Amino acid sequence: MSEEKEKRKSKISKSVRRIYNVAQYESLELVINYEEEIDWDTIKERQQKSKNITSLLLDDFKNTRKEVFEELNESEKKAYFKNALKSMKATEDELENFDTIE
């Protein structure tokens, strides 16, 4: 008498979240979240199904990003502070007194 092995179930949650700077003092947050319940017999099968969900998630994220930016007529801007490197450099005196409290 052979016993039929019962399939196992898992709930897989994955998400991608990214914040884009689209203008000065303006950002756009894009979040794609997937939650799937899968049935599996072996770890290998579970891993493959998880990889498939990741592929779907990434494709969805890329397509959604493209559509949102096209619809809003926006583009991603690089965020940086003007002259940040100059203001962040320490002077020789500051480096020598780094371990002292004044």
PDB file of N, CA and C in Angstrom:
ATOM      1  N   MET A   1       0.826  -1.170   0.000  1.00  0.00           N
ATOM      2  CA  MET A   1       0.000   0.000   0.000  1.00  0.00           C
ATOM      3  C   MET A   1       0.883   1.251   0.000  1.00  0.00           C
ATOM      4  N   SER A   2       0.725   2.051  -0.998  1.00  0.00           N
ATOM      5  CA  SER A   2       1.557   3.257  -1.097  1.00  0.00           C
ATOM      6  C   SER A   2       0.782   4.480  -0.638  1.00  0.00           C
ATOM      7  N   GLU A   3       1.445   5.249   0.157  1.00  0.00           N
ATOM      8  CA  GLU A   3       0.818   6.470   0.658  1.00  0.00           C
ATOM      9  C   GLU A   3       1.156   7.628  -0.279  1.00  0.00           C
ATOM     10  N   GLU A   4       0.152   8.383  -0.610  1.00  0.00           N
ATOM     11  CA  GLU A   4       0.373   9.545  -1.465  1.00  0.00           C
ATOM     12  C   GLU A   4       0.876  10.687  -0.585  1.00  0.00           C
ATOM     13  N   LYS A   5       1.985  11.258  -1.012  1.00  0.00           N
ATOM     14  CA  LYS A   5       2.600  12.331  -0.256  1.00  0.00           C
ATOM     15  C   LYS A   5       1.783  13.612  -0.421  1.00  0.00           C
ATOM     16  N   GLU A   6       1.438  14.221   0.691  1.00  0.00           N
ATOM     17  CA  GLU A   6       0.649  15.450   0.647  1.00  0.00           C
ATOM     18  C   GLU A   6       1.546  16.633   0.284  1.00  0.00           C
ATOM     19  N   LYS A   7       1.049  17.462  -0.611  1.00  0.00           N
ATOM     20  CA  LYS A   7       1.823  18.635  -1.015  1.00  0.00           C
ATOM     21  C   LYS A   7       1.897  19.615   0.134  1.00  0.00           C
ATOM     22  N   ARG A   8       3.036  20.276   0.218  1.00  0.00           N
ATOM     23  CA  ARG A   8       3.218  21.298   1.243  1.00  0.00           C
ATOM     24  C   ARG A   8       2.794  22.643   0.669  1.00  0.00           C
ATOM     25  N   LYS A   9       2.465  23.554   1.553  1.00  0.00           N
ATOM     26  CA  LYS A   9       2.064  24.896   1.135  1.00  0.00           C
ATOM     27  C   LYS A   9       2.997  25.915   1.777  1.00  0.00           C
ATOM     28  N   SER A  10       3.244  26.970   1.041  1.00  0.00           N
ATOM     29  CA  SER A  10       4.030  28.084   1.571  1.00  0.00           C
ATOM     30  C   SER A  10       3.409  29.381   1.089  1.00  0.00           C
ATOM     31  N   LYS A  11       3.548  30.386   1.910  1.00  0.00           N
ATOM     32  CA  LYS A  11       3.122  31.724   1.520  1.00  0.00           C
ATOM     33  C   LYS A  11       4.397  32.524   1.281  1.00  0.00           C
ATOM     34  N   ILE A  12       4.527  33.088   0.084  1.00  0.00           N
ATOM     35  CA  ILE A  12       5.720  33.848  -0.277  1.00  0.00           C
ATOM     36  C   ILE A  12       5.326  35.305  -0.484  1.00  0.00           C
ATOM     37  N   SER A  13       6.026  36.173   0.238  1.00  0.00           N
ATOM     38  CA  SER A  13       5.807  37.616   0.091  1.00  0.00           C
ATOM     39  C   SER A  13       7.102  38.246  -0.390  1.00  0.00           C
ATOM     40  N   LYS A  14       6.993  39.038  -1.440  1.00  0.00           N
ATOM     41  CA  LYS A  14       8.156  39.741  -1.984  1.00  0.00           C
ATOM     42  C   LYS A  14       7.717  41.135  -2.396  1.00  0.00           C
ATOM     43  N   SER A  15       8.630  42.080  -2.250  1.00  0.00           N
ATOM     44  CA  SER A  15       8.298  43.437  -2.680  1.00  0.00           C
ATOM     45  C   SER A  15       9.543  44.159  -3.145  1.00  0.00           C
ATOM     46  N   VAL A  16       9.317  45.142  -3.996  1.00  0.00           N
ATOM     47  CA  VAL A  16      10.366  46.041  -4.461  1.00  0.00           C
ATOM     48  C   VAL A  16       9.865  47.444  -4.190  1.00  0.00           C
ATOM     49  N   ARG A  17      10.712  48.247  -3.566  1.00  0.00           N
ATOM     50  CA  ARG A  17      10.346  49.629  -3.239  1.00  0.00           C
ATOM     51  C   ARG A  17      11.493  50.523  -3.645  1.00  0.00           C
ATOM     52  N   ARG A  18      11.163  51.586  -4.360  1.00  0.00           N
ATOM     53  CA  ARG A  18      12.196  52.531  -4.775  1.00  0.00           C
ATOM     54  C   ARG A  18      11.627  53.934  -4.754  1.00  0.00           C
ATOM     55  N   ILE A  19      12.447  54.865  -4.292  1.00  0.00           N
ATOM     56  CA  ILE A  19      12.059  56.275  -4.279  1.00  0.00           C
ATOM     57  C   ILE A  19      12.907  57.000  -5.323  1.00  0.00           C
ATOM     58  N   TYR A  20      12.223  57.702  -6.217  1.00  0.00           N
ATOM     59  CA  TYR A  20      12.889  58.439  -7.283  1.00  0.00           C
ATOM     60  C   TYR A  20      12.786  59.940  -7.016  1.00  0.00           C
ATOM     61  N   ASN A  21      13.876  60.656  -7.214  1.00  0.00           N
ATOM     62  CA  ASN A  21      13.845  62.115  -7.182  1.00  0.00           C
ATOM     63  C   ASN A  21      13.451  62.581  -8.571  1.00  0.00           C
ATOM     64  N   VAL A  22      12.343  63.282  -8.663  1.00  0.00           N
ATOM     65  CA  VAL A  22      11.864  63.728  -9.979  1.00  0.00           C
ATOM     66  C   VAL A  22      12.009  65.232 -10.173  1.00  0.00           C
ATOM     67  N   ALA A  23      12.164  65.959  -9.085  1.00  0.00           N
ATOM     68  CA  ALA A  23      12.381  67.399  -9.138  1.00  0.00           C
ATOM     69  C   ALA A  23      12.910  67.825  -7.775  1.00  0.00           C
ATOM     70  N   GLN A  24      13.360  69.061  -7.687  1.00  0.00           N
ATOM     71  CA  GLN A  24      13.842  69.543  -6.401  1.00  0.00           C
ATOM     72  C   GLN A  24      12.689  69.523  -5.401  1.00  0.00           C
ATOM     73  N   TYR A  25      12.923  68.902  -4.258  1.00  0.00           N
ATOM     74  CA  TYR A  25      11.929  68.755  -3.181  1.00  0.00           C
ATOM     75  C   TYR A  25      10.718  67.924  -3.596  1.00  0.00           C
ATOM     76  N   GLU A  26      10.875  67.090  -4.597  1.00  0.00           N
ATOM     77  CA  GLU A  26       9.756  66.258  -5.055  1.00  0.00           C
ATOM     78  C   GLU A  26      10.269  64.856  -5.358  1.00  0.00           C
ATOM     79  N   SER A  27       9.587  63.864  -4.800  1.00  0.00           N
ATOM     80  CA  SER A  27       9.994  62.483  -5.053  1.00  0.00           C
ATOM     81  C   SER A  27       8.769  61.646  -5.389  1.00  0.00           C
ATOM     82  N   LEU A  28       9.037  60.503  -5.977  1.00  0.00           N
ATOM     83  CA  LEU A  28       7.988  59.575  -6.367  1.00  0.00           C
ATOM     84  C   LEU A  28       8.369  58.213  -5.805  1.00  0.00           C
ATOM     85  N   GLU A  29       7.477  57.604  -5.053  1.00  0.00           N
ATOM     86  CA  GLU A  29       7.735  56.292  -4.484  1.00  0.00           C
ATOM     87  C   GLU A  29       6.969  55.245  -5.281  1.00  0.00           C
ATOM     88  N   LEU A  30       7.680  54.228  -5.708  1.00  0.00           N
ATOM     89  CA  LEU A  30       7.082  53.149  -6.478  1.00  0.00           C
ATOM     90  C   LEU A  30       7.257  51.851  -5.686  1.00  0.00           C
ATOM     91  N   VAL A  31       6.135  51.193  -5.379  1.00  0.00           N
ATOM     92  CA  VAL A  31       6.170  49.964  -4.590  1.00  0.00           C
ATOM     93  C   VAL A  31       5.348  48.900  -5.321  1.00  0.00           C
ATOM     94  N   ILE A  32       5.960  47.748  -5.507  1.00  0.00           N
ATOM     95  CA  ILE A  32       5.260  46.596  -6.069  1.00  0.00           C
ATOM     96  C   ILE A  32       5.379  45.484  -5.032  1.00  0.00           C
ATOM     97  N   ASN A  33       4.254  44.922  -4.649  1.00  0.00           N
ATOM     98  CA  ASN A  33       4.234  43.903  -3.606  1.00  0.00           C
ATOM     99  C   ASN A  33       3.470  42.684  -4.114  1.00  0.00           C
ATOM    100  N   TYR A  34       4.080  41.516  -3.969  1.00  0.00           N
ATOM    101  CA  TYR A  34       3.424  40.265  -4.346  1.00  0.00           C
ATOM    102  C   TYR A  34       3.299  39.377  -3.108  1.00  0.00           C
ATOM    103  N   GLU A  35       2.175  38.718  -3.006  1.00  0.00           N
ATOM    104  CA  GLU A  35       1.977  37.718  -1.969  1.00  0.00           C
ATOM    105  C   GLU A  35       1.296  36.536  -2.645  1.00  0.00           C
ATOM    106  N   GLU A  36       1.971  35.410  -2.645  1.00  0.00           N
ATOM    107  CA  GLU A  36       1.468  34.219  -3.337  1.00  0.00           C
ATOM    108  C   GLU A  36       1.490  33.021  -2.400  1.00  0.00           C
ATOM    109  N   GLU A  37       0.535  32.139  -2.581  1.00  0.00           N
ATOM    110  CA  GLU A  37       0.535  30.865  -1.869  1.00  0.00           C
ATOM    111  C   GLU A  37       0.855  29.786  -2.892  1.00  0.00           C
ATOM    112  N   ILE A  38       1.862  28.980  -2.578  1.00  0.00           N
ATOM    113  CA  ILE A  38       2.279  27.945  -3.528  1.00  0.00           C
ATOM    114  C   ILE A  38       2.188  26.560  -2.890  1.00  0.00           C
ATOM    115  N   ASP A  39       2.002  25.566  -3.746  1.00  0.00           N
ATOM    116  CA  ASP A  39       2.053  24.162  -3.353  1.00  0.00           C
ATOM    117  C   ASP A  39       3.348  23.585  -3.910  1.00  0.00           C
ATOM    118  N   TRP A  40       4.010  22.737  -3.129  1.00  0.00           N
ATOM    119  CA  TRP A  40       5.268  22.154  -3.594  1.00  0.00           C
ATOM    120  C   TRP A  40       5.520  20.807  -2.941  1.00  0.00           C
ATOM    121  N   ASP A  41       6.309  19.994  -3.649  1.00  0.00           N
ATOM    122  CA  ASP A  41       6.682  18.670  -3.144  1.00  0.00           C
ATOM    123  C   ASP A  41       8.128  18.642  -2.655  1.00  0.00           C
ATOM    124  N   THR A  42       8.996  19.309  -3.394  1.00  0.00           N
ATOM    125  CA  THR A  42      10.427  19.287  -3.050  1.00  0.00           C
ATOM    126  C   THR A  42      10.937  20.717  -2.868  1.00  0.00           C
ATOM    127  N   ILE A  43      12.057  20.826  -2.183  1.00  0.00           N
ATOM    128  CA  ILE A  43      12.684  22.134  -1.983  1.00  0.00           C
ATOM    129  C   ILE A  43      13.048  22.753  -3.335  1.00  0.00           C
ATOM    130  N   LYS A  44      13.515  21.939  -4.232  1.00  0.00           N
ATOM    131  CA  LYS A  44      13.884  22.432  -5.563  1.00  0.00           C
ATOM    132  C   LYS A  44      12.669  23.052  -6.266  1.00  0.00           C
ATOM    133  N   GLU A  45      11.539  22.397  -6.166  1.00  0.00           N
ATOM    134  CA  GLU A  45      10.309  22.923  -6.771  1.00  0.00           C
ATOM    135  C   GLU A  45       9.906  24.242  -6.101  1.00  0.00           C
ATOM    136  N   ARG A  46      10.038  24.303  -4.784  1.00  0.00           N
ATOM    137  CA  ARG A  46       9.712  25.528  -4.047  1.00  0.00           C
ATOM    138  C   ARG A  46      10.615  26.678  -4.473  1.00  0.00           C
ATOM    139  N   GLN A  47      11.908  26.399  -4.589  1.00  0.00           N
ATOM    140  CA  GLN A  47      12.857  27.428  -5.019  1.00  0.00           C
ATOM    141  C   GLN A  47      12.552  27.921  -6.429  1.00  0.00           C
ATOM    142  N   GLN A  48      12.197  27.012  -7.306  1.00  0.00           N
ATOM    143  CA  GLN A  48      11.874  27.405  -8.681  1.00  0.00           C
ATOM    144  C   GLN A  48      10.627  28.282  -8.716  1.00  0.00           C
ATOM    145  N   LYS A  49       9.635  27.935  -7.944  1.00  0.00           N
ATOM    146  CA  LYS A  49       8.408  28.739  -7.898  1.00  0.00           C
ATOM    147  C   LYS A  49       8.695  30.115  -7.292  1.00  0.00           C
ATOM    148  N   SER A  50       9.566  30.164  -6.314  1.00  0.00           N
ATOM    149  CA  SER A  50       9.953  31.445  -5.730  1.00  0.00           C
ATOM    150  C   SER A  50      10.698  32.306  -6.759  1.00  0.00           C
ATOM    151  N   LYS A  51      11.589  31.689  -7.527  1.00  0.00           N
ATOM    152  CA  LYS A  51      12.309  32.410  -8.594  1.00  0.00           C
ATOM    153  C   LYS A  51      11.329  32.940  -9.635  1.00  0.00           C
ATOM    154  N   ASN A  52      10.329  32.155  -9.954  1.00  0.00           N
ATOM    155  CA  ASN A  52       9.326  32.588 -10.935  1.00  0.00           C
ATOM    156  C   ASN A  52       8.566  33.810 -10.430  1.00  0.00           C
ATOM    157  N   ILE A  53       8.252  33.816  -9.140  1.00  0.00           N
ATOM    158  CA  ILE A  53       7.567  34.971  -8.547  1.00  0.00           C
ATOM    159  C   ILE A  53       8.469  36.197  -8.601  1.00  0.00           C
ATOM    160  N   THR A  54       9.757  36.008  -8.325  1.00  0.00           N
ATOM    161  CA  THR A  54      10.715  37.115  -8.407  1.00  0.00           C
ATOM    162  C   THR A  54      10.763  37.683  -9.824  1.00  0.00           C
ATOM    163  N   SER A  55      10.794  36.810 -10.810  1.00  0.00           N
ATOM    164  CA  SER A  55      10.819  37.269 -12.210  1.00  0.00           C
ATOM    165  C   SER A  55       9.569  38.075 -12.548  1.00  0.00           C
ATOM    166  N   LEU A  56       8.411  37.586 -12.114  1.00  0.00           N
ATOM    167  CA  LEU A  56       7.162  38.317 -12.346  1.00  0.00           C
ATOM    168  C   LEU A  56       7.186  39.672 -11.658  1.00  0.00           C
ATOM    169  N   LEU A  57       7.669  39.697 -10.438  1.00  0.00           N
ATOM    170  CA  LEU A  57       7.748  40.930  -9.658  1.00  0.00           C
ATOM    171  C   LEU A  57       8.641  41.957 -10.348  1.00  0.00           C
ATOM    172  N   LEU A  58       9.818  41.529 -10.781  1.00  0.00           N
ATOM    173  CA  LEU A  58      10.750  42.454 -11.436  1.00  0.00           C
ATOM    174  C   LEU A  58      10.212  42.958 -12.774  1.00  0.00           C
ATOM    175  N   ASP A  59       9.606  42.074 -13.549  1.00  0.00           N
ATOM    176  CA  ASP A  59       9.005  42.497 -14.820  1.00  0.00           C
ATOM    177  C   ASP A  59       7.888  43.505 -14.569  1.00  0.00           C
ATOM    178  N   ASP A  60       7.068  43.231 -13.576  1.00  0.00           N
ATOM    179  CA  ASP A  60       5.975  44.138 -13.221  1.00  0.00           C
ATOM    180  C   ASP A  60       6.528  45.486 -12.777  1.00  0.00           C
ATOM    181  N   PHE A  61       7.580  45.464 -11.964  1.00  0.00           N
ATOM    182  CA  PHE A  61       8.190  46.705 -11.487  1.00  0.00           C
ATOM    183  C   PHE A  61       8.724  47.538 -12.649  1.00  0.00           C
ATOM    184  N   LYS A  62       9.460  46.898 -13.545  1.00  0.00           N
ATOM    185  CA  LYS A  62      10.035  47.618 -14.702  1.00  0.00           C
ATOM    186  C   LYS A  62       8.943  48.219 -15.577  1.00  0.00           C
ATOM    187  N   ASN A  63       7.916  47.437 -15.863  1.00  0.00           N
ATOM    188  CA  ASN A  63       6.825  47.922 -16.716  1.00  0.00           C
ATOM    189  C   ASN A  63       6.035  49.039 -16.033  1.00  0.00           C
ATOM    190  N   THR A  64       5.777  48.874 -14.744  1.00  0.00           N
ATOM    191  CA  THR A  64       5.044  49.900 -14.000  1.00  0.00           C
ATOM    192  C   THR A  64       5.845  51.191 -13.946  1.00  0.00           C
ATOM    193  N   ARG A  65       7.142  51.081 -13.673  1.00  0.00           N
ATOM    194  CA  ARG A  65       8.010  52.260 -13.639  1.00  0.00           C
ATOM    195  C   ARG A  65       7.954  53.007 -14.974  1.00  0.00           C
ATOM    196  N   LYS A  66       8.096  52.261 -16.043  1.00  0.00           N
ATOM    197  CA  LYS A  66       8.085  52.870 -17.382  1.00  0.00           C
ATOM    198  C   LYS A  66       6.754  53.580 -17.645  1.00  0.00           C
ATOM    199  N   GLU A  67       5.652  52.904 -17.353  1.00  0.00           N
ATOM    200  CA  GLU A  67       4.322  53.483 -17.584  1.00  0.00           C
ATOM    201  C   GLU A  67       4.077  54.720 -16.726  1.00  0.00           C
ATOM    202  N   VAL A  68       4.480  54.651 -15.449  1.00  0.00           N
ATOM    203  CA  VAL A  68       4.270  55.785 -14.542  1.00  0.00           C
ATOM    204  C   VAL A  68       5.081  56.995 -15.007  1.00  0.00           C
ATOM    205  N   PHE A  69       6.343  56.784 -15.327  1.00  0.00           N
ATOM    206  CA  PHE A  69       7.177  57.902 -15.764  1.00  0.00           C
ATOM    207  C   PHE A  69       6.693  58.486 -17.088  1.00  0.00           C
ATOM    208  N   GLU A  70       6.231  57.641 -17.990  1.00  0.00           N
ATOM    209  CA  GLU A  70       5.686  58.145 -19.256  1.00  0.00           C
ATOM    210  C   GLU A  70       4.400  58.926 -19.028  1.00  0.00           C
ATOM    211  N   GLU A  71       3.507  58.388 -18.201  1.00  0.00           N
ATOM    212  CA  GLU A  71       2.222  59.041 -17.936  1.00  0.00           C
ATOM    213  C   GLU A  71       2.413  60.393 -17.250  1.00  0.00           C
ATOM    214  N   LEU A  72       3.338  60.454 -16.304  1.00  0.00           N
ATOM    215  CA  LEU A  72       3.583  61.700 -15.577  1.00  0.00           C
ATOM    216  C   LEU A  72       4.582  62.616 -16.273  1.00  0.00           C
ATOM    217  N   ASN A  73       5.130  62.132 -17.380  1.00  0.00           N
ATOM    218  CA  ASN A  73       6.118  62.895 -18.147  1.00  0.00           C
ATOM    219  C   ASN A  73       7.278  63.318 -17.245  1.00  0.00           C
ATOM    220  N   GLU A  74       7.783  62.361 -16.495  1.00  0.00           N
ATOM    221  CA  GLU A  74       8.866  62.609 -15.544  1.00  0.00           C
ATOM    222  C   GLU A  74      10.094  61.805 -15.935  1.00  0.00           C
ATOM    223  N   SER A  75      11.210  62.190 -15.358  1.00  0.00           N
ATOM    224  CA  SER A  75      12.425  61.404 -15.491  1.00  0.00           C
ATOM    225  C   SER A  75      13.160  61.467 -14.161  1.00  0.00           C
ATOM    226  N   GLU A  76      13.964  60.457 -13.925  1.00  0.00           N
ATOM    227  CA  GLU A  76      14.683  60.394 -12.661  1.00  0.00           C
ATOM    228  C   GLU A  76      15.816  61.410 -12.672  1.00  0.00           C
ATOM    229  N   LYS A  77      15.948  62.133 -11.581  1.00  0.00           N
ATOM    230  CA  LYS A  77      17.019  63.117 -11.433  1.00  0.00           C
ATOM    231  C   LYS A  77      18.013  62.582 -10.406  1.00  0.00           C
ATOM    232  N   LYS A  78      19.265  62.838 -10.635  1.00  0.00           N
ATOM    233  CA  LYS A  78      20.296  62.453  -9.677  1.00  0.00           C
ATOM    234  C   LYS A  78      20.268  63.417  -8.502  1.00  0.00           C
ATOM    235  N   ALA A  79      20.273  62.886  -7.317  1.00  0.00           N
ATOM    236  CA  ALA A  79      20.239  63.721  -6.112  1.00  0.00           C
ATOM    237  C   ALA A  79      21.661  63.927  -5.606  1.00  0.00           C
ATOM    238  N   TYR A  80      22.043  65.162  -5.439  1.00  0.00           N
ATOM    239  CA  TYR A  80      23.348  65.481  -4.869  1.00  0.00           C
ATOM    240  C   TYR A  80      23.313  66.890  -4.304  1.00  0.00           C
ATOM    241  N   PHE A  81      24.245  67.161  -3.419  1.00  0.00           N
ATOM    242  CA  PHE A  81      24.355  68.487  -2.834  1.00  0.00           C
ATOM    243  C   PHE A  81      25.468  69.234  -3.547  1.00  0.00           C
ATOM    244  N   LYS A  82      25.201  70.456  -3.950  1.00  0.00           N
ATOM    245  CA  LYS A  82      26.230  71.260  -4.594  1.00  0.00           C
ATOM    246  C   LYS A  82      27.358  71.504  -3.607  1.00  0.00           C
ATOM    247  N   ASN A  83      28.548  71.327  -4.084  1.00  0.00           N
ATOM    248  CA  ASN A  83      29.760  71.558  -3.288  1.00  0.00           C
ATOM    249  C   ASN A  83      29.797  70.732  -1.997  1.00  0.00           C
ATOM    250  N   ALA A  84      29.138  69.608  -1.972  1.00  0.00           N
ATOM    251  CA  ALA A  84      29.107  68.787  -0.760  1.00  0.00           C
ATOM    252  C   ALA A  84      30.493  68.286  -0.398  1.00  0.00           C
ATOM    253  N   LEU A  85      31.268  67.887  -1.385  1.00  0.00           N
ATOM    254  CA  LEU A  85      32.589  67.360  -1.095  1.00  0.00           C
ATOM    255  C   LEU A  85      33.496  68.419  -0.487  1.00  0.00           C
ATOM    256  N   LYS A  86      33.401  69.649  -0.979  1.00  0.00           N
ATOM    257  CA  LYS A  86      34.235  70.731  -0.440  1.00  0.00           C
ATOM    258  C   LYS A  86      33.900  70.983   1.018  1.00  0.00           C
ATOM    259  N   SER A  87      32.630  71.007   1.353  1.00  0.00           N
ATOM    260  CA  SER A  87      32.226  71.313   2.727  1.00  0.00           C
ATOM    261  C   SER A  87      32.472  70.133   3.666  1.00  0.00           C
ATOM    262  N   MET A  88      32.663  68.938   3.133  1.00  0.00           N
ATOM    263  CA  MET A  88      32.849  67.763   3.975  1.00  0.00           C
ATOM    264  C   MET A  88      34.323  67.498   4.279  1.00  0.00           C
ATOM    265  N   LYS A  89      35.237  68.163   3.587  1.00  0.00           N
ATOM    266  CA  LYS A  89      36.661  67.925   3.820  1.00  0.00           C
ATOM    267  C   LYS A  89      37.085  68.537   5.148  1.00  0.00           C
ATOM    268  N   ALA A  90      37.819  67.766   5.917  1.00  0.00           N
ATOM    269  CA  ALA A  90      38.318  68.240   7.204  1.00  0.00           C
ATOM    270  C   ALA A  90      39.655  68.955   7.011  1.00  0.00           C
ATOM    271  N   THR A  91      39.876  69.957   7.837  1.00  0.00           N
ATOM    272  CA  THR A  91      41.155  70.672   7.803  1.00  0.00           C
ATOM    273  C   THR A  91      42.180  69.884   8.612  1.00  0.00           C
ATOM    274  N   GLU A  92      43.443  70.261   8.473  1.00  0.00           N
ATOM    275  CA  GLU A  92      44.508  69.587   9.219  1.00  0.00           C
ATOM    276  C   GLU A  92      44.265  69.712  10.723  1.00  0.00           C
ATOM    277  N   ASP A  93      43.855  70.895  11.187  1.00  0.00           N
ATOM    278  CA  ASP A  93      43.602  71.108  12.617  1.00  0.00           C
ATOM    279  C   ASP A  93      42.461  70.216  13.107  1.00  0.00           C
ATOM    280  N   GLU A  94      41.408  70.097  12.305  1.00  0.00           N
ATOM    281  CA  GLU A  94      40.269  69.260  12.692  1.00  0.00           C
ATOM    282  C   GLU A  94      40.678  67.797  12.804  1.00  0.00           C
ATOM    283  N   LEU A  95      41.546  67.351  11.891  1.00  0.00           N
ATOM    284  CA  LEU A  95      42.005  65.967  11.931  1.00  0.00           C
ATOM    285  C   LEU A  95      42.877  65.702  13.152  1.00  0.00           C
ATOM    286  N   GLU A  96      43.742  66.655  13.512  1.00  0.00           N
ATOM    287  CA  GLU A  96      44.609  66.483  14.667  1.00  0.00           C
ATOM    288  C   GLU A  96      43.804  66.455  15.965  1.00  0.00           C
ATOM    289  N   ASN A  97      42.726  67.223  16.048  1.00  0.00           N
ATOM    290  CA  ASN A  97      41.917  67.312  17.257  1.00  0.00           C
ATOM    291  C   ASN A  97      40.692  66.397  17.217  1.00  0.00           C
ATOM    292  N   PHE A  98      40.734  65.450  16.355  1.00  0.00           N
ATOM    293  CA  PHE A  98      39.551  64.598  16.145  1.00  0.00           C
ATOM    294  C   PHE A  98      39.167  63.824  17.406  1.00  0.00           C
ATOM    295  N   ASP A  99      40.145  63.384  18.170  1.00  0.00           N
ATOM    296  CA  ASP A  99      39.851  62.577  19.352  1.00  0.00           C
ATOM    297  C   ASP A  99      39.643  63.397  20.619  1.00  0.00           C
ATOM    298  N   THR A 100      39.720  64.699  20.537  1.00  0.00           N
ATOM    299  CA  THR A 100      39.536  65.514  21.724  1.00  0.00           C
ATOM    300  C   THR A 100      38.141  66.125  21.749  1.00  0.00           C
ATOM    301  N   ILE A 101      37.662  66.397  22.946  1.00  0.00           N
ATOM    302  CA  ILE A 101      36.359  67.035  23.095  1.00  0.00           C
ATOM    303  C   ILE A 101      36.593  68.494  23.435  1.00  0.00           C
ATOM    304  N   GLU A 102      36.019  69.354  22.654  1.00  0.00           N
ATOM    305  CA  GLU A 102      36.172  70.801  22.923  1.00  0.00           C
ATOM    306  C   GLU A 102      34.843  71.449  23.082  1.00  0.00           C
TER     307      GLU A 102
END
